[in-house]
Amino acid sequence: MSPDDLGDRRAVNAFLRGRDDSAFDVLYERHTPKLMGLALRLSSGDEGLAAEIAQEAWVRALPQLDGFRWRSSLSTWLCAFVVNVWREESRRRARSGGDWEVAEQCTAGVAETPGLGLDVTRAVDGLAPGFRSVLLLYGVYGYSHDEIGKMLGISPGTSKSQLSRARVALRRALGR
């Protein structure tokens, strides 16, 4: 067990015993930067939306904290909440005619525009939500396909397939 895991266990136990604010502060300070980073990447750099997603993830995670069984790191478990909140928000925005694109709309015409200067961040932002989440969780945050599967409620094989398709779509978006 890593020192971070041990510290998380202590803070979680202290929080659960008496809703200790200082224990929650330790957890919040330790994990929120990672949750915000993930939310920021998933929300294509929208800081306001990322903050809402990270906050909602905490709101949803805290009541379930006593059920956390430590089969993964606390960070992995919390990131699953971020991904789920983001997925719900993207579905809500799609239903209400929000500005979140689907993969075909995002990548259409990008490769045919020479000299566009499209950078990787913009190309990743243009991926379909499922592709983007797997690509970021695997490639940027280093989660295994088993962990991603648990976070997203998919099989590890589906995670691998989504990653492969995300890479193809990314290459296409970058004109390669």
C-alpha atoms as a PDB file:
ATOM      1  CA  MET A   1       0.000   0.000   0.000  1.00  0.00           C
ATOM      2  CA  SER A   2       1.394   3.378  -0.997  1.00  0.00           C
ATOM      3  CA  PRO A   3       1.760   6.237   1.494  1.00  0.00           C
ATOM      4  CA  ASP A   4      -0.975   8.128  -0.384  1.00  0.00           C
ATOM      5  CA  ASP A   5      -3.360   5.177  -0.058  1.00  0.00           C
ATOM      6  CA  LEU A   6      -2.583   4.926   3.654  1.00  0.00           C
ATOM      7  CA  GLY A   7      -3.175   8.655   4.098  1.00  0.00           C
ATOM      8  CA  ASP A   8      -6.428   8.395   2.166  1.00  0.00           C
ATOM      9  CA  ARG A   9      -7.610   5.522   4.358  1.00  0.00           C
ATOM     10  CA  ARG A  10      -6.857   7.485   7.502  1.00  0.00           C
ATOM     11  CA  ALA A  11      -8.616  10.593   6.223  1.00  0.00           C
ATOM     12  CA  VAL A  12     -11.638   8.614   4.990  1.00  0.00           C
ATOM     13  CA  ASN A  13     -11.948   6.806   8.322  1.00  0.00           C
ATOM     14  CA  ALA A  14     -11.682  10.076  10.246  1.00  0.00           C
ATOM     15  CA  PHE A  15     -14.269  11.681   8.012  1.00  0.00           C
ATOM     16  CA  LEU A  16     -16.675   8.765   8.311  1.00  0.00           C
ATOM     17  CA  ARG A  17     -16.317   8.528  12.095  1.00  0.00           C
ATOM     18  CA  GLY A  18     -17.374  12.070  12.815  1.00  0.00           C
ATOM     19  CA  ARG A  19     -17.747  13.986   9.559  1.00  0.00           C
ATOM     20  CA  ASP A  20     -14.421  15.566  10.477  1.00  0.00           C
ATOM     21  CA  ASP A  21     -14.009  18.728   8.399  1.00  0.00           C
ATOM     22  CA  SER A  22     -10.227  18.640   8.595  1.00  0.00           C
ATOM     23  CA  ALA A  23     -10.203  15.052   7.279  1.00  0.00           C
ATOM     24  CA  PHE A  24     -12.411  16.097   4.387  1.00  0.00           C
ATOM     25  CA  ASP A  25     -10.109  19.064   3.733  1.00  0.00           C
ATOM     26  CA  VAL A  26      -7.180  16.647   3.415  1.00  0.00           C
ATOM     27  CA  LEU A  27      -9.093  14.512   0.908  1.00  0.00           C
ATOM     28  CA  TYR A  28     -10.350  17.541  -0.992  1.00  0.00           C
ATOM     29  CA  GLU A  29      -6.931  19.161  -1.278  1.00  0.00           C
ATOM     30  CA  ARG A  30      -5.281  15.889  -2.269  1.00  0.00           C
ATOM     31  CA  HIS A  31      -7.754  14.856  -4.971  1.00  0.00           C
ATOM     32  CA  THR A  32      -9.468  17.960  -6.336  1.00  0.00           C
ATOM     33  CA  PRO A  33      -6.564  19.048  -8.578  1.00  0.00           C
ATOM     34  CA  LYS A  34      -6.681  15.683 -10.359  1.00  0.00           C
ATOM     35  CA  LEU A  35     -10.480  15.741 -10.553  1.00  0.00           C
ATOM     36  CA  MET A  36     -10.414  19.291 -11.929  1.00  0.00           C
ATOM     37  CA  GLY A  37      -7.734  18.365 -14.446  1.00  0.00           C
ATOM     38  CA  LEU A  38      -9.790  15.469 -15.724  1.00  0.00           C
ATOM     39  CA  ALA A  39     -12.997  17.525 -15.774  1.00  0.00           C
ATOM     40  CA  LEU A  40     -11.197  20.334 -17.593  1.00  0.00           C
ATOM     41  CA  ARG A  41      -9.926  17.990 -20.286  1.00  0.00           C
ATOM     42  CA  LEU A  42     -13.287  16.258 -20.655  1.00  0.00           C
ATOM     43  CA  SER A  43     -15.121  19.580 -20.914  1.00  0.00           C
ATOM     44  CA  SER A  44     -12.749  20.900 -23.590  1.00  0.00           C
ATOM     45  CA  GLY A  45     -11.192  23.515 -21.348  1.00  0.00           C
ATOM     46  CA  ASP A  46     -14.426  25.070 -20.050  1.00  0.00           C
ATOM     47  CA  GLU A  47     -13.253  26.044 -16.551  1.00  0.00           C
ATOM     48  CA  GLY A  48     -16.711  26.872 -15.248  1.00  0.00           C
ATOM     49  CA  LEU A  49     -18.159  23.586 -16.407  1.00  0.00           C
ATOM     50  CA  ALA A  50     -15.128  21.685 -15.117  1.00  0.00           C
ATOM     51  CA  ALA A  51     -15.548  23.236 -11.661  1.00  0.00           C
ATOM     52  CA  GLU A  52     -19.239  22.285 -11.651  1.00  0.00           C
ATOM     53  CA  ILE A  53     -18.396  18.727 -12.696  1.00  0.00           C
ATOM     54  CA  ALA A  54     -15.711  18.325 -10.024  1.00  0.00           C
ATOM     55  CA  GLN A  55     -18.000  19.779  -7.353  1.00  0.00           C
ATOM     56  CA  GLU A  56     -20.887  17.523  -8.356  1.00  0.00           C
ATOM     57  CA  ALA A  57     -18.525  14.532  -8.308  1.00  0.00           C
ATOM     58  CA  TRP A  58     -17.675  15.301  -4.666  1.00  0.00           C
ATOM     59  CA  VAL A  59     -21.353  15.795  -3.824  1.00  0.00           C
ATOM     60  CA  ARG A  60     -22.179  12.374  -5.253  1.00  0.00           C
ATOM     61  CA  ALA A  61     -19.116  10.586  -3.871  1.00  0.00           C
ATOM     62  CA  LEU A  62     -19.377  11.641  -0.224  1.00  0.00           C
ATOM     63  CA  PRO A  63     -22.643   9.832   0.574  1.00  0.00           C
ATOM     64  CA  GLN A  64     -21.175   6.670  -0.961  1.00  0.00           C
ATOM     65  CA  LEU A  65     -17.788   6.918   0.721  1.00  0.00           C
ATOM     66  CA  ASP A  66     -18.690   4.410   3.416  1.00  0.00           C
ATOM     67  CA  GLY A  67     -19.337   1.845   0.664  1.00  0.00           C
ATOM     68  CA  PHE A  68     -15.919   2.294  -0.955  1.00  0.00           C
ATOM     69  CA  ARG A  69     -14.104  -1.072  -0.652  1.00  0.00           C
ATOM     70  CA  TRP A  70     -10.542  -0.028  -1.625  1.00  0.00           C
ATOM     71  CA  ARG A  71     -10.394  -2.377  -4.612  1.00  0.00           C
ATOM     72  CA  SER A  72      -8.900   0.563  -6.511  1.00  0.00           C
ATOM     73  CA  SER A  73      -7.295   3.773  -5.356  1.00  0.00           C
ATOM     74  CA  LEU A  74      -9.565   6.463  -3.959  1.00  0.00           C
ATOM     75  CA  SER A  75      -8.421   8.680  -6.818  1.00  0.00           C
ATOM     76  CA  THR A  76      -9.629   6.155  -9.417  1.00  0.00           C
ATOM     77  CA  TRP A  77     -12.960   5.842  -7.635  1.00  0.00           C
ATOM     78  CA  LEU A  78     -13.414   9.625  -7.485  1.00  0.00           C
ATOM     79  CA  CYS A  79     -12.453  10.026 -11.147  1.00  0.00           C
ATOM     80  CA  ALA A  80     -15.287   7.653 -12.028  1.00  0.00           C
ATOM     81  CA  PHE A  81     -17.697  10.168 -10.521  1.00  0.00           C
ATOM     82  CA  VAL A  82     -16.170  12.941 -12.640  1.00  0.00           C
ATOM     83  CA  VAL A  83     -16.549  10.862 -15.796  1.00  0.00           C
ATOM     84  CA  ASN A  84     -20.140   9.948 -14.959  1.00  0.00           C
ATOM     85  CA  VAL A  85     -21.145  13.538 -14.172  1.00  0.00           C
ATOM     86  CA  TRP A  86     -19.508  14.686 -17.409  1.00  0.00           C
ATOM     87  CA  ARG A  87     -21.304  11.983 -19.404  1.00  0.00           C
ATOM     88  CA  GLU A  88     -24.656  12.978 -17.913  1.00  0.00           C
ATOM     89  CA  GLU A  89     -23.988  16.648 -18.642  1.00  0.00           C
ATOM     90  CA  SER A  90     -22.962  15.917 -22.225  1.00  0.00           C
ATOM     91  CA  ARG A  91     -26.153  13.880 -22.759  1.00  0.00           C
ATOM     92  CA  ARG A  92     -28.249  16.650 -21.221  1.00  0.00           C
ATOM     93  CA  ARG A  93     -26.644  19.259 -23.453  1.00  0.00           C
ATOM     94  CA  ALA A  94     -27.093  17.088 -26.535  1.00  0.00           C
ATOM     95  CA  ARG A  95     -30.813  16.639 -25.762  1.00  0.00           C
ATOM     96  CA  SER A  96     -31.310  20.356 -25.204  1.00  0.00           C
ATOM     97  CA  GLY A  97     -29.490  21.324 -28.387  1.00  0.00           C
ATOM     98  CA  GLY A  98     -26.326  22.417 -26.600  1.00  0.00           C
ATOM     99  CA  ASP A  99     -23.084  23.111 -28.366  1.00  0.00           C
ATOM    100  CA  TRP A 100     -21.436  19.736 -27.777  1.00  0.00           C
ATOM    101  CA  GLU A 101     -20.682  18.054 -31.058  1.00  0.00           C
ATOM    102  CA  VAL A 102     -20.888  14.455 -32.137  1.00  0.00           C
ATOM    103  CA  ALA A 103     -17.828  12.836 -33.685  1.00  0.00           C
ATOM    104  CA  GLU A 104     -18.958  13.176 -37.301  1.00  0.00           C
ATOM    105  CA  GLN A 105     -19.665  16.888 -36.914  1.00  0.00           C
ATOM    106  CA  CYS A 106     -16.365  17.515 -35.141  1.00  0.00           C
ATOM    107  CA  THR A 107     -14.061  15.780 -37.527  1.00  0.00           C
ATOM    108  CA  ALA A 108     -15.880  16.417 -40.809  1.00  0.00           C
ATOM    109  CA  GLY A 109     -13.770  18.545 -43.095  1.00  0.00           C
ATOM    110  CA  VAL A 110     -10.835  18.910 -40.722  1.00  0.00           C
ATOM    111  CA  ALA A 111      -8.478  16.649 -42.648  1.00  0.00           C
ATOM    112  CA  GLU A 112      -9.450  18.269 -45.962  1.00  0.00           C
ATOM    113  CA  THR A 113      -8.402  21.739 -44.810  1.00  0.00           C
ATOM    114  CA  PRO A 114      -4.665  22.062 -45.482  1.00  0.00           C
ATOM    115  CA  GLY A 115      -2.719  24.442 -43.286  1.00  0.00           C
ATOM    116  CA  LEU A 116      -5.432  24.535 -40.642  1.00  0.00           C
ATOM    117  CA  GLY A 117      -2.836  24.240 -37.902  1.00  0.00           C
ATOM    118  CA  LEU A 118      -5.110  22.136 -35.749  1.00  0.00           C
ATOM    119  CA  ASP A 119      -3.335  21.226 -32.540  1.00  0.00           C
ATOM    120  CA  VAL A 120      -3.726  18.033 -30.588  1.00  0.00           C
ATOM    121  CA  THR A 121      -5.799  19.624 -27.837  1.00  0.00           C
ATOM    122  CA  ARG A 122      -8.369  20.855 -30.298  1.00  0.00           C
ATOM    123  CA  ALA A 123      -8.409  17.483 -32.050  1.00  0.00           C
ATOM    124  CA  VAL A 124      -8.988  15.664 -28.756  1.00  0.00           C
ATOM    125  CA  ASP A 125     -11.746  18.135 -27.889  1.00  0.00           C
ATOM    126  CA  GLY A 126     -13.410  17.207 -31.169  1.00  0.00           C
ATOM    127  CA  LEU A 127     -13.615  13.505 -30.398  1.00  0.00           C
ATOM    128  CA  ALA A 128     -16.914  11.889 -29.488  1.00  0.00           C
ATOM    129  CA  PRO A 129     -17.384  11.868 -25.698  1.00  0.00           C
ATOM    130  CA  GLY A 130     -16.818   8.104 -25.355  1.00  0.00           C
ATOM    131  CA  PHE A 131     -13.634   8.222 -27.398  1.00  0.00           C
ATOM    132  CA  ARG A 132     -12.364  11.290 -25.549  1.00  0.00           C
ATOM    133  CA  SER A 133     -12.963   9.842 -22.085  1.00  0.00           C
ATOM    134  CA  VAL A 134     -11.148   6.560 -22.814  1.00  0.00           C
ATOM    135  CA  LEU A 135      -8.284   8.320 -24.611  1.00  0.00           C
ATOM    136  CA  LEU A 136      -7.748  10.741 -21.722  1.00  0.00           C
ATOM    137  CA  LEU A 137      -8.145   8.179 -18.959  1.00  0.00           C
ATOM    138  CA  TYR A 138      -5.706   5.789 -20.641  1.00  0.00           C
ATOM    139  CA  GLY A 139      -3.240   8.063 -22.389  1.00  0.00           C
ATOM    140  CA  VAL A 140      -3.092  11.052 -20.069  1.00  0.00           C
ATOM    141  CA  TYR A 141      -4.055   9.709 -16.654  1.00  0.00           C
ATOM    142  CA  GLY A 142      -2.545   6.242 -17.064  1.00  0.00           C
ATOM    143  CA  TYR A 143      -5.505   4.140 -15.983  1.00  0.00           C
ATOM    144  CA  SER A 144      -5.616   0.512 -17.085  1.00  0.00           C
ATOM    145  CA  HIS A 145      -8.407  -0.808 -19.283  1.00  0.00           C
ATOM    146  CA  ASP A 146      -9.780  -2.671 -16.251  1.00  0.00           C
ATOM    147  CA  GLU A 147      -9.945   0.577 -14.254  1.00  0.00           C
ATOM    148  CA  ILE A 148     -11.476   2.471 -17.172  1.00  0.00           C
ATOM    149  CA  GLY A 149     -14.044  -0.275 -17.588  1.00  0.00           C
ATOM    150  CA  LYS A 150     -15.064   0.062 -13.953  1.00  0.00           C
ATOM    151  CA  MET A 151     -15.248   3.856 -14.194  1.00  0.00           C
ATOM    152  CA  LEU A 152     -17.340   3.886 -17.341  1.00  0.00           C
ATOM    153  CA  GLY A 153     -19.364   0.736 -16.770  1.00  0.00           C
ATOM    154  CA  ILE A 154     -17.921  -0.995 -19.838  1.00  0.00           C
ATOM    155  CA  SER A 155     -15.805  -4.094 -20.354  1.00  0.00           C
ATOM    156  CA  PRO A 156     -12.005  -3.804 -20.632  1.00  0.00           C
ATOM    157  CA  GLY A 157     -12.362  -5.015 -24.228  1.00  0.00           C
ATOM    158  CA  THR A 158     -14.731  -2.169 -25.019  1.00  0.00           C
ATOM    159  CA  SER A 159     -12.235   0.242 -23.464  1.00  0.00           C
ATOM    160  CA  LYS A 160      -9.500  -1.126 -25.737  1.00  0.00           C
ATOM    161  CA  SER A 161     -11.771  -0.858 -28.764  1.00  0.00           C
ATOM    162  CA  GLN A 162     -12.778   2.720 -27.892  1.00  0.00           C
ATOM    163  CA  LEU A 163      -9.110   3.646 -27.473  1.00  0.00           C
ATOM    164  CA  SER A 164      -8.250   2.183 -30.862  1.00  0.00           C
ATOM    165  CA  ARG A 165     -11.119   4.018 -32.533  1.00  0.00           C
ATOM    166  CA  ALA A 166     -10.209   7.240 -30.707  1.00  0.00           C
ATOM    167  CA  ARG A 167      -6.668   7.015 -32.039  1.00  0.00           C
ATOM    168  CA  VAL A 168      -7.952   6.494 -35.602  1.00  0.00           C
ATOM    169  CA  ALA A 169     -10.329   9.462 -35.268  1.00  0.00           C
ATOM    170  CA  LEU A 170      -7.536  11.581 -33.797  1.00  0.00           C
ATOM    171  CA  ARG A 171      -5.192  10.724 -36.676  1.00  0.00           C
ATOM    172  CA  ARG A 172      -7.949  11.551 -39.139  1.00  0.00           C
ATOM    173  CA  ALA A 173      -8.648  14.869 -37.395  1.00  0.00           C
ATOM    174  CA  LEU A 174      -4.961  15.730 -37.551  1.00  0.00           C
ATOM    175  CA  GLY A 175      -4.820  14.789 -41.227  1.00  0.00           C
ATOM    176  CA  ARG A 176      -2.463  11.839 -40.768  1.00  0.00           C
END
